[in-house]
Amino acid sequence: MGFRFEFDPVNKILLVRFEGRHTDESLAQATQAARKHWAATDARAGIADYSSVTEFAVSAELVRNLPRQEPPMPDVTKNPLVLVMPTPAGYGLARMYQIMGDRTLPSVNVVRTMDEAFATLGVQSPRFELLE
C-alpha cells in the first residue's frame, strides 16, 4: 500500500504518510485505516502528509463527496486535521476538499510543509513511532 501510519504519543498526533501514486482506492483504504488508528490511539489531531506522492489520480468527484462521508476522527470540531500538500496539484485538490467540507469538517487546514503543520497544531519536535 502507498501509506503508513505513525503516532506521537506525547502530543497525541496521528500521522499518515502517503507515497507514490495516490488513487481513489488508496484514499478510501487510508480513511478506513485512519478510523481504526484514531480510535486505538485516542489521537487529538491528525496530519496527512502527501510530500512523497508522485501522482494524484484522485477523482474530483471523490474529493467533492468525501466531506459528506463519515470523517476518520470522532469529533470534527475538536480534532484538527492538517493536510500537507507541497505540490500545486495536490494543494488544489486539498483546498477543494477544505472548501467542500467547510461546514462538516471545520477543523481541516491545508499547508505546504510539515513545519507549517506542526506550527498549525502548536507542537515542536514531535516524535513519531510507526504503527502496525
N, C-alpha and C. Protein backbone atom coordinates (compact mmCIF):
# COMPACT_ATOMS: atom_id res chain seq x y z
N MET A 1 0.84 -1.19 0.00
CA MET A 1 0.00 0.00 0.00
C MET A 1 0.87 1.23 0.00
N GLY A 2 0.32 2.33 -0.44
CA GLY A 2 1.07 3.56 -0.55
C GLY A 2 0.91 4.50 0.62
N PHE A 3 0.76 3.95 1.83
CA PHE A 3 0.66 4.82 3.00
C PHE A 3 1.09 4.05 4.24
N ARG A 4 1.48 4.81 5.26
CA ARG A 4 1.82 4.21 6.55
C ARG A 4 1.42 5.18 7.66
N PHE A 5 1.10 4.63 8.82
CA PHE A 5 0.67 5.44 9.95
C PHE A 5 1.75 5.50 11.01
N GLU A 6 1.87 6.67 11.63
CA GLU A 6 2.78 6.89 12.74
C GLU A 6 2.01 7.65 13.82
N PHE A 7 2.52 7.60 15.04
CA PHE A 7 1.83 8.27 16.14
C PHE A 7 2.84 8.89 17.08
N ASP A 8 2.54 10.10 17.51
CA ASP A 8 3.33 10.80 18.53
C ASP A 8 2.53 10.71 19.83
N PRO A 9 2.94 9.83 20.76
CA PRO A 9 2.15 9.63 21.98
C PRO A 9 2.17 10.82 22.95
N VAL A 10 3.18 11.66 22.88
CA VAL A 10 3.24 12.81 23.78
C VAL A 10 2.22 13.87 23.37
N ASN A 11 2.21 14.22 22.09
CA ASN A 11 1.29 15.24 21.59
C ASN A 11 -0.02 14.65 21.07
N LYS A 12 -0.10 13.31 21.03
CA LYS A 12 -1.29 12.58 20.58
C LYS A 12 -1.70 12.98 19.15
N ILE A 13 -0.70 12.91 18.26
CA ILE A 13 -0.93 13.24 16.85
C ILE A 13 -0.79 11.97 16.01
N LEU A 14 -1.81 11.69 15.22
CA LEU A 14 -1.79 10.59 14.28
C LEU A 14 -1.33 11.13 12.93
N LEU A 15 -0.32 10.49 12.36
CA LEU A 15 0.27 10.93 11.10
C LEU A 15 0.14 9.81 10.08
N VAL A 16 -0.37 10.15 8.90
CA VAL A 16 -0.37 9.21 7.79
C VAL A 16 0.50 9.81 6.69
N ARG A 17 1.45 9.01 6.21
CA ARG A 17 2.34 9.45 5.13
C ARG A 17 1.99 8.67 3.88
N PHE A 18 1.67 9.40 2.82
CA PHE A 18 1.34 8.79 1.54
C PHE A 18 2.57 8.80 0.64
N GLU A 19 2.69 7.76 -0.20
CA GLU A 19 3.83 7.65 -1.12
C GLU A 19 3.34 7.18 -2.48
N GLY A 20 4.04 7.59 -3.52
CA GLY A 20 3.77 7.09 -4.86
C GLY A 20 2.49 7.64 -5.45
N ARG A 21 1.81 6.78 -6.19
CA ARG A 21 0.58 7.15 -6.88
C ARG A 21 -0.58 7.11 -5.89
N HIS A 22 -1.34 8.20 -5.83
CA HIS A 22 -2.46 8.32 -4.90
C HIS A 22 -3.76 8.23 -5.69
N THR A 23 -4.59 7.23 -5.36
CA THR A 23 -5.82 6.95 -6.11
C THR A 23 -7.05 7.01 -5.21
N ASP A 24 -8.22 6.93 -5.82
CA ASP A 24 -9.46 6.86 -5.05
C ASP A 24 -9.42 5.68 -4.09
N GLU A 25 -8.93 4.54 -4.59
CA GLU A 25 -8.87 3.33 -3.78
C GLU A 25 -7.92 3.48 -2.59
N SER A 26 -6.73 4.04 -2.82
CA SER A 26 -5.77 4.19 -1.72
C SER A 26 -6.30 5.19 -0.68
N LEU A 27 -7.00 6.22 -1.14
CA LEU A 27 -7.57 7.18 -0.20
C LEU A 27 -8.67 6.54 0.63
N ALA A 28 -9.51 5.72 0.01
CA ALA A 28 -10.57 5.02 0.75
C ALA A 28 -9.97 4.06 1.77
N GLN A 29 -8.93 3.32 1.39
CA GLN A 29 -8.27 2.40 2.30
C GLN A 29 -7.63 3.14 3.47
N ALA A 30 -6.98 4.26 3.18
CA ALA A 30 -6.32 5.04 4.22
C ALA A 30 -7.34 5.64 5.19
N THR A 31 -8.47 6.09 4.67
CA THR A 31 -9.51 6.66 5.52
C THR A 31 -10.07 5.62 6.47
N GLN A 32 -10.30 4.41 5.95
CA GLN A 32 -10.79 3.32 6.78
C GLN A 32 -9.76 2.96 7.86
N ALA A 33 -8.50 2.87 7.49
CA ALA A 33 -7.44 2.57 8.46
C ALA A 33 -7.31 3.69 9.48
N ALA A 34 -7.48 4.93 9.04
CA ALA A 34 -7.36 6.08 9.95
C ALA A 34 -8.41 6.01 11.05
N ARG A 35 -9.61 5.60 10.71
CA ARG A 35 -10.67 5.47 11.73
C ARG A 35 -10.23 4.50 12.84
N LYS A 36 -9.65 3.38 12.43
CA LYS A 36 -9.20 2.38 13.40
C LYS A 36 -8.06 2.92 14.26
N HIS A 37 -7.06 3.54 13.60
CA HIS A 37 -5.92 4.07 14.34
C HIS A 37 -6.32 5.22 15.25
N TRP A 38 -7.26 6.05 14.79
CA TRP A 38 -7.71 7.18 15.60
C TRP A 38 -8.34 6.66 16.88
N ALA A 39 -9.19 5.67 16.76
CA ALA A 39 -9.85 5.09 17.93
C ALA A 39 -8.86 4.40 18.86
N ALA A 40 -7.90 3.68 18.29
CA ALA A 40 -6.93 2.92 19.08
C ALA A 40 -5.96 3.82 19.84
N THR A 41 -5.62 4.97 19.26
CA THR A 41 -4.63 5.85 19.88
C THR A 41 -5.25 6.99 20.67
N ASP A 42 -6.54 7.24 20.47
CA ASP A 42 -7.22 8.39 21.07
C ASP A 42 -6.50 9.69 20.69
N ALA A 43 -6.14 9.80 19.42
CA ALA A 43 -5.42 10.98 18.92
C ALA A 43 -6.25 12.24 19.10
N ARG A 44 -5.57 13.35 19.32
CA ARG A 44 -6.25 14.64 19.44
C ARG A 44 -6.16 15.45 18.16
N ALA A 45 -5.26 15.02 17.24
CA ALA A 45 -5.07 15.73 15.97
C ALA A 45 -4.51 14.77 14.95
N GLY A 46 -4.63 15.14 13.69
CA GLY A 46 -4.10 14.31 12.62
C GLY A 46 -3.37 15.12 11.57
N ILE A 47 -2.38 14.49 10.96
CA ILE A 47 -1.66 15.07 9.83
C ILE A 47 -1.66 14.04 8.72
N ALA A 48 -2.01 14.49 7.52
CA ALA A 48 -1.90 13.65 6.32
C ALA A 48 -0.81 14.29 5.47
N ASP A 49 0.32 13.59 5.34
CA ASP A 49 1.48 14.11 4.64
C ASP A 49 1.55 13.52 3.23
N TYR A 50 1.36 14.38 2.25
CA TYR A 50 1.38 13.97 0.84
C TYR A 50 2.69 14.38 0.15
N SER A 51 3.73 14.65 0.91
CA SER A 51 5.00 15.12 0.36
C SER A 51 5.66 14.12 -0.59
N SER A 52 5.41 12.83 -0.39
CA SER A 52 6.04 11.81 -1.23
C SER A 52 5.11 11.23 -2.30
N VAL A 53 4.00 11.90 -2.53
CA VAL A 53 3.08 11.45 -3.58
C VAL A 53 3.66 11.90 -4.93
N THR A 54 3.74 10.95 -5.86
CA THR A 54 4.30 11.25 -7.18
C THR A 54 3.23 11.55 -8.22
N GLU A 55 1.99 11.08 -7.95
CA GLU A 55 0.89 11.32 -8.90
C GLU A 55 -0.43 11.34 -8.15
N PHE A 56 -1.25 12.34 -8.43
CA PHE A 56 -2.59 12.41 -7.87
C PHE A 56 -3.57 11.90 -8.91
N ALA A 57 -4.03 10.66 -8.73
CA ALA A 57 -5.02 10.06 -9.62
C ALA A 57 -6.35 9.94 -8.87
N VAL A 58 -6.65 10.96 -8.07
CA VAL A 58 -7.88 11.01 -7.28
C VAL A 58 -8.89 11.82 -8.07
N SER A 59 -10.10 11.28 -8.19
CA SER A 59 -11.12 11.96 -8.97
C SER A 59 -11.68 13.17 -8.23
N ALA A 60 -12.04 14.18 -9.00
CA ALA A 60 -12.66 15.37 -8.42
C ALA A 60 -13.99 15.00 -7.75
N GLU A 61 -14.68 14.00 -8.31
CA GLU A 61 -15.95 13.55 -7.72
C GLU A 61 -15.74 13.03 -6.31
N LEU A 62 -14.68 12.24 -6.10
CA LEU A 62 -14.40 11.73 -4.76
C LEU A 62 -14.09 12.88 -3.81
N VAL A 63 -13.30 13.83 -4.25
CA VAL A 63 -12.93 14.96 -3.40
C VAL A 63 -14.19 15.74 -3.01
N ARG A 64 -15.12 15.89 -3.93
CA ARG A 64 -16.38 16.60 -3.63
C ARG A 64 -17.25 15.80 -2.66
N ASN A 65 -17.24 14.46 -2.77
CA ASN A 65 -18.09 13.63 -1.92
C ASN A 65 -17.50 13.28 -0.56
N LEU A 66 -16.19 13.34 -0.44
CA LEU A 66 -15.53 12.96 0.83
C LEU A 66 -16.05 13.72 2.04
N PRO A 67 -16.27 15.03 1.96
CA PRO A 67 -16.76 15.74 3.15
C PRO A 67 -18.13 15.26 3.63
N ARG A 68 -18.87 14.57 2.79
CA ARG A 68 -20.19 14.06 3.17
C ARG A 68 -20.10 12.69 3.85
N GLN A 69 -18.94 12.07 3.78
CA GLN A 69 -18.75 10.76 4.40
C GLN A 69 -18.34 10.92 5.86
N GLU A 70 -18.43 9.82 6.60
CA GLU A 70 -18.02 9.84 8.00
C GLU A 70 -16.53 10.17 8.10
N PRO A 71 -16.16 11.18 8.87
CA PRO A 71 -14.74 11.54 8.99
C PRO A 71 -13.98 10.51 9.82
N PRO A 72 -12.66 10.46 9.66
CA PRO A 72 -11.87 9.49 10.42
C PRO A 72 -11.78 9.80 11.91
N MET A 73 -11.95 11.08 12.27
CA MET A 73 -11.85 11.46 13.66
C MET A 73 -13.22 11.54 14.32
N PRO A 74 -13.30 11.28 15.63
CA PRO A 74 -14.60 11.22 16.29
C PRO A 74 -15.29 12.58 16.43
N ASP A 75 -14.54 13.65 16.61
CA ASP A 75 -15.15 14.96 16.81
C ASP A 75 -14.46 15.97 15.89
N VAL A 76 -15.13 16.30 14.81
CA VAL A 76 -14.52 17.18 13.80
C VAL A 76 -14.34 18.61 14.29
N THR A 77 -15.00 18.99 15.37
CA THR A 77 -14.83 20.35 15.88
C THR A 77 -13.65 20.46 16.84
N LYS A 78 -13.26 19.32 17.46
CA LYS A 78 -12.17 19.34 18.43
C LYS A 78 -10.88 18.72 17.91
N ASN A 79 -10.96 17.91 16.85
CA ASN A 79 -9.80 17.19 16.35
C ASN A 79 -9.35 17.77 15.02
N PRO A 80 -8.35 18.65 15.05
CA PRO A 80 -7.89 19.24 13.79
C PRO A 80 -7.19 18.22 12.89
N LEU A 81 -7.35 18.42 11.60
CA LEU A 81 -6.68 17.61 10.59
C LEU A 81 -5.92 18.56 9.68
N VAL A 82 -4.62 18.32 9.55
CA VAL A 82 -3.77 19.16 8.70
C VAL A 82 -3.32 18.34 7.50
N LEU A 83 -3.55 18.87 6.32
CA LEU A 83 -3.12 18.23 5.07
C LEU A 83 -1.87 18.93 4.58
N VAL A 84 -0.78 18.18 4.42
CA VAL A 84 0.49 18.73 3.93
C VAL A 84 0.57 18.44 2.44
N MET A 85 0.46 19.49 1.63
CA MET A 85 0.41 19.37 0.17
C MET A 85 1.42 20.31 -0.48
N PRO A 86 2.63 19.85 -0.73
CA PRO A 86 3.64 20.74 -1.29
C PRO A 86 3.47 21.03 -2.79
N THR A 87 2.79 20.15 -3.54
CA THR A 87 2.68 20.36 -4.99
C THR A 87 1.43 21.18 -5.32
N PRO A 88 1.48 21.94 -6.42
CA PRO A 88 0.31 22.73 -6.82
C PRO A 88 -0.94 21.87 -7.05
N ALA A 89 -0.80 20.72 -7.71
CA ALA A 89 -1.96 19.86 -7.98
C ALA A 89 -2.57 19.34 -6.68
N GLY A 90 -1.74 18.86 -5.80
CA GLY A 90 -2.23 18.35 -4.52
C GLY A 90 -2.84 19.45 -3.67
N TYR A 91 -2.21 20.61 -3.68
CA TYR A 91 -2.71 21.74 -2.90
C TYR A 91 -4.10 22.14 -3.40
N GLY A 92 -4.27 22.15 -4.72
CA GLY A 92 -5.57 22.50 -5.30
C GLY A 92 -6.65 21.51 -4.90
N LEU A 93 -6.35 20.21 -4.95
CA LEU A 93 -7.32 19.19 -4.53
C LEU A 93 -7.65 19.33 -3.04
N ALA A 94 -6.64 19.58 -2.23
CA ALA A 94 -6.85 19.72 -0.79
C ALA A 94 -7.70 20.94 -0.47
N ARG A 95 -7.45 22.02 -1.17
CA ARG A 95 -8.26 23.23 -0.94
C ARG A 95 -9.70 22.99 -1.37
N MET A 96 -9.92 22.25 -2.45
CA MET A 96 -11.27 21.93 -2.88
C MET A 96 -11.96 21.10 -1.77
N TYR A 97 -11.25 20.13 -1.22
CA TYR A 97 -11.78 19.31 -0.13
C TYR A 97 -12.11 20.20 1.07
N GLN A 98 -11.22 21.11 1.40
CA GLN A 98 -11.43 22.01 2.54
C GLN A 98 -12.66 22.89 2.32
N ILE A 99 -12.80 23.43 1.14
CA ILE A 99 -13.93 24.30 0.83
C ILE A 99 -15.24 23.51 0.84
N MET A 100 -15.23 22.33 0.24
CA MET A 100 -16.44 21.49 0.19
C MET A 100 -16.84 21.03 1.60
N GLY A 101 -15.87 20.88 2.47
CA GLY A 101 -16.16 20.40 3.83
C GLY A 101 -16.20 21.49 4.87
N ASP A 102 -16.31 22.74 4.43
CA ASP A 102 -16.27 23.87 5.36
C ASP A 102 -17.26 23.72 6.51
N ARG A 103 -18.45 23.23 6.24
CA ARG A 103 -19.47 23.10 7.28
C ARG A 103 -19.35 21.79 8.05
N THR A 104 -18.98 20.72 7.37
CA THR A 104 -18.91 19.41 8.02
C THR A 104 -17.55 19.10 8.62
N LEU A 105 -16.50 19.72 8.12
CA LEU A 105 -15.14 19.49 8.61
C LEU A 105 -14.46 20.84 8.89
N PRO A 106 -14.91 21.54 9.92
CA PRO A 106 -14.39 22.90 10.15
C PRO A 106 -12.94 22.97 10.59
N SER A 107 -12.37 21.85 11.01
CA SER A 107 -11.01 21.89 11.55
C SER A 107 -9.94 21.41 10.57
N VAL A 108 -10.24 21.40 9.27
CA VAL A 108 -9.26 20.99 8.26
C VAL A 108 -8.42 22.19 7.85
N ASN A 109 -7.10 22.00 7.85
CA ASN A 109 -6.16 23.03 7.42
C ASN A 109 -5.29 22.46 6.31
N VAL A 110 -4.94 23.29 5.34
CA VAL A 110 -4.07 22.86 4.24
C VAL A 110 -2.81 23.71 4.29
N VAL A 111 -1.66 23.03 4.33
CA VAL A 111 -0.36 23.71 4.38
C VAL A 111 0.58 23.07 3.37
N ARG A 112 1.74 23.66 3.18
CA ARG A 112 2.70 23.15 2.20
C ARG A 112 3.82 22.31 2.80
N THR A 113 4.12 22.48 4.10
CA THR A 113 5.25 21.77 4.71
C THR A 113 4.87 21.16 6.06
N MET A 114 5.66 20.19 6.49
CA MET A 114 5.46 19.59 7.81
C MET A 114 5.69 20.62 8.91
N ASP A 115 6.67 21.51 8.72
CA ASP A 115 6.90 22.56 9.72
C ASP A 115 5.66 23.42 9.90
N GLU A 116 4.98 23.74 8.80
CA GLU A 116 3.73 24.50 8.90
C GLU A 116 2.65 23.69 9.62
N ALA A 117 2.63 22.39 9.37
CA ALA A 117 1.65 21.53 10.05
C ALA A 117 1.89 21.54 11.56
N PHE A 118 3.15 21.41 11.96
CA PHE A 118 3.47 21.43 13.39
C PHE A 118 3.11 22.78 14.01
N ALA A 119 3.39 23.87 13.30
CA ALA A 119 3.04 25.20 13.79
C ALA A 119 1.53 25.35 13.92
N THR A 120 0.79 24.83 12.95
CA THR A 120 -0.67 24.90 12.99
C THR A 120 -1.22 24.20 14.22
N LEU A 121 -0.60 23.08 14.58
CA LEU A 121 -1.04 22.30 15.74
C LEU A 121 -0.39 22.78 17.05
N GLY A 122 0.56 23.71 16.94
CA GLY A 122 1.20 24.25 18.13
C GLY A 122 2.15 23.28 18.82
N VAL A 123 2.84 22.45 18.04
CA VAL A 123 3.79 21.49 18.62
C VAL A 123 5.19 21.73 18.05
N GLN A 124 6.18 21.37 18.86
CA GLN A 124 7.58 21.46 18.43
C GLN A 124 8.23 20.10 18.63
N SER A 125 9.03 19.69 17.66
CA SER A 125 9.81 18.46 17.74
C SER A 125 9.00 17.23 18.15
N PRO A 126 7.91 16.93 17.44
CA PRO A 126 7.18 15.71 17.78
C PRO A 126 8.01 14.47 17.44
N ARG A 127 7.75 13.39 18.14
CA ARG A 127 8.47 12.13 17.92
C ARG A 127 7.46 11.06 17.54
N PHE A 128 7.47 10.71 16.27
CA PHE A 128 6.51 9.75 15.74
C PHE A 128 7.08 8.33 15.77
N GLU A 129 6.20 7.40 16.12
CA GLU A 129 6.54 5.98 16.13
C GLU A 129 5.65 5.28 15.11
N LEU A 130 6.23 4.36 14.35
CA LEU A 130 5.48 3.63 13.34
C LEU A 130 4.42 2.75 13.98
N LEU A 131 3.21 2.78 13.41
CA LEU A 131 2.12 1.91 13.86
C LEU A 131 2.01 0.75 12.88
N GLU A 132 1.61 -0.39 13.37
CA GLU A 132 1.45 -1.56 12.51
C GLU A 132 0.05 -1.60 11.93
